[in-house]
Protein backbone atom coordinates (compact mmCIF):
# COMPACT_ATOMS: atom_id res chain seq x y z
CA MET A 1 -78.62 -72.06 -50.20
CA THR A 2 -78.05 -68.36 -50.62
CA SER A 3 -80.37 -66.03 -48.80
CA LEU A 4 -81.59 -62.73 -50.21
CA ARG A 5 -82.25 -59.86 -47.85
CA PHE A 6 -83.56 -56.45 -48.80
CA GLY A 7 -84.33 -53.01 -47.51
CA LEU A 8 -85.39 -49.60 -48.77
CA GLU A 9 -83.55 -46.29 -48.54
CA SER A 10 -85.00 -42.91 -49.45
CA THR A 11 -82.70 -40.88 -51.74
CA PRO A 12 -83.01 -37.56 -53.55
CA VAL A 13 -83.77 -39.46 -56.78
CA GLY A 14 -86.32 -41.92 -55.39
CA THR A 15 -86.51 -45.00 -53.23
CA ALA A 16 -83.51 -47.30 -53.47
CA LEU A 17 -84.35 -50.99 -53.25
CA ILE A 18 -81.22 -52.72 -51.95
CA ALA A 19 -80.89 -56.51 -52.03
CA VAL A 20 -77.93 -58.49 -50.73
CA SER A 21 -76.93 -62.13 -50.73
CA ASP A 22 -74.29 -63.84 -48.64
CA GLU A 23 -71.79 -62.89 -51.37
CA GLY A 24 -72.65 -59.19 -51.65
CA LEU A 25 -74.89 -56.63 -53.33
CA VAL A 26 -77.20 -58.30 -55.86
CA MET A 27 -79.51 -55.40 -56.67
CA LEU A 28 -79.75 -51.68 -56.14
CA GLU A 29 -82.58 -50.13 -58.08
CA ILE A 30 -84.31 -46.77 -57.81
CA THR A 31 -87.99 -47.60 -57.98
CA GLU A 32 -91.39 -46.55 -56.80
CA ALA A 33 -92.84 -50.02 -57.48
CA PRO A 34 -93.53 -52.41 -54.59
CA ALA A 35 -90.34 -54.21 -53.50
CA GLU A 36 -91.87 -57.65 -53.87
CA LEU A 37 -92.80 -56.94 -57.50
CA VAL A 38 -89.28 -55.73 -58.36
CA LEU A 39 -87.65 -58.62 -56.51
CA GLU A 40 -89.81 -61.37 -58.05
CA PRO A 41 -87.65 -61.97 -61.16
CA VAL A 42 -84.49 -61.88 -59.03
CA MET A 43 -85.91 -64.43 -56.59
CA GLN A 44 -86.91 -66.67 -59.48
CA ARG A 45 -83.48 -66.50 -61.12
CA MET A 46 -81.70 -67.14 -57.85
CA GLY A 47 -84.19 -69.72 -56.59
CA VAL A 48 -84.60 -67.96 -53.24
CA VAL A 49 -87.14 -66.04 -51.22
CA ALA A 50 -86.31 -62.48 -50.21
CA THR A 51 -86.63 -61.37 -46.61
CA HIS A 52 -87.12 -57.77 -45.53
CA ASP A 53 -84.04 -57.11 -43.38
CA PRO A 54 -83.05 -53.43 -43.15
CA ASP A 55 -80.10 -54.27 -40.88
CA ALA A 56 -78.54 -56.45 -43.59
CA VAL A 57 -78.49 -53.56 -46.07
CA GLU A 58 -77.66 -50.77 -43.59
CA PRO A 59 -73.95 -50.57 -44.53
CA ILE A 60 -74.93 -49.95 -48.16
CA ALA A 61 -77.71 -47.56 -47.16
CA GLN A 62 -75.17 -45.60 -45.09
CA GLN A 63 -72.83 -45.38 -48.08
CA LEU A 64 -75.74 -44.10 -50.22
CA ARG A 65 -76.44 -41.38 -47.65
CA GLU A 66 -72.75 -40.42 -47.72
CA TYR A 67 -72.74 -40.42 -51.54
CA PHE A 68 -75.75 -38.11 -51.77
CA ALA A 69 -74.23 -35.84 -49.10
CA GLY A 70 -71.16 -35.49 -51.36
CA GLU A 71 -68.94 -37.23 -48.81
CA ARG A 72 -68.36 -40.51 -50.68
CA THR A 73 -66.81 -40.82 -54.12
CA ARG A 74 -66.48 -44.61 -54.29
CA PHE A 75 -68.59 -47.38 -52.82
CA ASP A 76 -66.89 -50.01 -50.68
CA VAL A 77 -69.26 -52.88 -51.41
CA GLU A 78 -68.79 -56.49 -52.39
CA ILE A 79 -70.85 -57.18 -55.50
CA ASP A 80 -72.56 -60.48 -56.22
CA TRP A 81 -72.42 -60.52 -60.03
CA ARG A 82 -74.49 -63.68 -60.53
CA LEU A 83 -77.33 -61.84 -62.31
CA VAL A 84 -75.02 -60.63 -65.10
CA ARG A 85 -72.81 -62.71 -67.35
CA GLY A 86 -70.50 -62.50 -70.31
CA PHE A 87 -69.87 -59.16 -71.93
CA THR A 88 -72.53 -57.46 -69.81
CA ARG A 89 -70.54 -58.30 -66.70
CA ALA A 90 -67.27 -57.17 -68.32
CA ALA A 91 -68.87 -53.87 -69.33
CA LEU A 92 -70.35 -53.23 -65.89
CA GLN A 93 -67.05 -54.03 -64.21
CA ALA A 94 -65.28 -51.62 -66.58
CA ILE A 95 -67.86 -48.95 -65.70
CA CYS A 96 -66.87 -49.30 -62.04
CA ASP A 97 -63.48 -47.82 -63.04
CA VAL A 98 -64.94 -44.55 -64.39
CA PRO A 99 -63.87 -41.96 -61.80
CA TYR A 100 -66.32 -40.01 -59.69
CA GLY A 101 -67.25 -36.73 -61.33
CA GLU A 102 -66.17 -37.87 -64.79
CA THR A 103 -67.94 -39.49 -67.71
CA ALA A 104 -66.95 -41.99 -70.38
CA SER A 105 -68.60 -42.84 -73.67
CA TYR A 106 -70.21 -46.17 -74.45
CA GLY A 107 -67.39 -46.72 -76.95
CA GLU A 108 -64.69 -46.02 -74.36
CA VAL A 109 -66.26 -48.55 -72.01
CA ALA A 110 -66.47 -51.10 -74.85
CA ILE A 111 -62.72 -50.70 -75.39
CA SER A 112 -62.03 -51.06 -71.65
CA ALA A 113 -64.20 -54.18 -71.56
CA GLY A 114 -62.22 -55.74 -74.40
CA ALA A 115 -64.72 -55.39 -77.25
CA PRO A 116 -64.02 -52.11 -79.11
CA ARG A 117 -67.02 -52.41 -81.44
CA ALA A 118 -69.54 -53.21 -78.74
CA ALA A 119 -70.73 -49.71 -77.80
CA ARG A 120 -74.37 -50.70 -78.30
CA ALA A 121 -73.87 -53.73 -76.07
CA VAL A 122 -72.50 -51.38 -73.39
CA GLY A 123 -75.71 -49.36 -73.72
CA THR A 124 -77.73 -52.53 -73.21
CA ALA A 125 -75.62 -53.44 -70.17
CA CYS A 126 -76.26 -49.99 -68.69
CA ALA A 127 -79.99 -50.21 -69.38
CA THR A 128 -80.34 -53.67 -67.86
CA THR A 129 -77.96 -53.52 -64.91
CA PRO A 130 -79.46 -54.77 -61.66
CA ILE A 131 -77.11 -52.47 -59.73
CA CYS A 132 -77.22 -48.72 -60.23
CA LEU A 133 -75.22 -46.04 -58.39
CA VAL A 134 -72.69 -48.52 -56.98
CA VAL A 135 -72.11 -49.50 -60.61
CA PRO A 136 -72.12 -45.92 -61.90
CA VAL A 137 -73.89 -46.38 -65.23
CA HIS A 138 -75.03 -42.75 -64.93
CA ARG A 139 -71.45 -41.75 -65.83
CA ILE A 140 -71.70 -43.33 -69.28
CA VAL A 141 -72.63 -40.91 -72.06
CA ARG A 142 -73.11 -40.83 -75.81
CA ALA A 143 -70.15 -40.32 -78.15
CA ASP A 144 -71.17 -36.68 -78.67
CA GLY A 145 -71.06 -36.06 -74.91
CA SER A 146 -74.83 -35.82 -74.46
CA LEU A 147 -76.12 -37.67 -71.43
CA GLY A 148 -78.72 -39.91 -73.04
CA GLU A 149 -81.32 -41.92 -71.17
CA TYR A 150 -81.27 -43.43 -67.69
CA GLY A 151 -84.06 -45.95 -67.42
CA GLY A 152 -86.42 -43.45 -69.01
CA ARG A 153 -85.46 -40.85 -66.41
CA PRO A 154 -82.80 -38.61 -68.00
CA GLU A 155 -83.40 -35.99 -65.31
CA VAL A 156 -82.06 -38.46 -62.72
CA LYS A 157 -78.93 -39.04 -64.79
CA ARG A 158 -78.42 -35.29 -65.14
CA TYR A 159 -78.88 -34.83 -61.38
CA LEU A 160 -76.31 -37.53 -60.55
CA VAL A 161 -73.71 -36.29 -63.04
CA GLU A 162 -74.15 -32.65 -61.98
CA GLN A 163 -74.04 -33.56 -58.27
CA GLU A 164 -70.73 -35.37 -58.76
CA ARG A 165 -69.23 -32.57 -60.86
CA ALA A 166 -70.30 -29.98 -58.28
CA ALA A 167 -68.75 -32.00 -55.45
CA VAL A 168 -65.47 -32.35 -57.39
CA GLY A 169 -65.51 -28.61 -58.08
CA ALA A 170 -66.15 -27.79 -54.44
CA ARG A 171 -63.28 -30.04 -53.34
CA ALA A 172 -60.93 -28.42 -55.88
CA ALA A 173 -61.95 -24.93 -54.75
CA ALA A 174 -61.42 -25.87 -51.09
CA ALA A 175 -58.00 -27.38 -51.89
CA GLY A 176 -57.06 -24.25 -53.84
CA ALA A 177 -58.15 -22.05 -50.96
CA ARG A 178 -56.08 -24.10 -48.51
CA ALA A 179 -53.06 -23.96 -50.84
CA GLY A 180 -53.38 -20.18 -51.08
CA GLU A 181 -53.46 -19.61 -47.31
């Protein structure tokens, strides 16, 4: 039987609820709701009980701290994909390939996921993903380049996209300064 362990990490965009199984990260959600309430549907689907275990999620929490400090551009985390299937999983896995500091349209992700006419399905995958940040759905934008929603919190999406772009810009400026020395 798989166990589910969880912990909470404060971030600049809210409290991150992190849940891991023996196979990897099952859920990372920014929420202000009680952990038990958010975890209930996950526990039911997996047929497990969740245990509060901050030590089990500490490696992921540390990577989140590094990400928000602008020090990490890619998460090094095993993902337990069991809560997503079919095209949703393909879309979310394709989203993991969108580089830090860049964006891609729903249509571009649909093409990468092997279903060129499934842009709306990509939007659904982004809206329903159990794993945010590590699966960077905030990098997926509308065809016209506008950011769109982010779980009803477009300001969070804007913050994440702008933070990444600023970090990329700062790195480029620093590299240019070093090259000019």
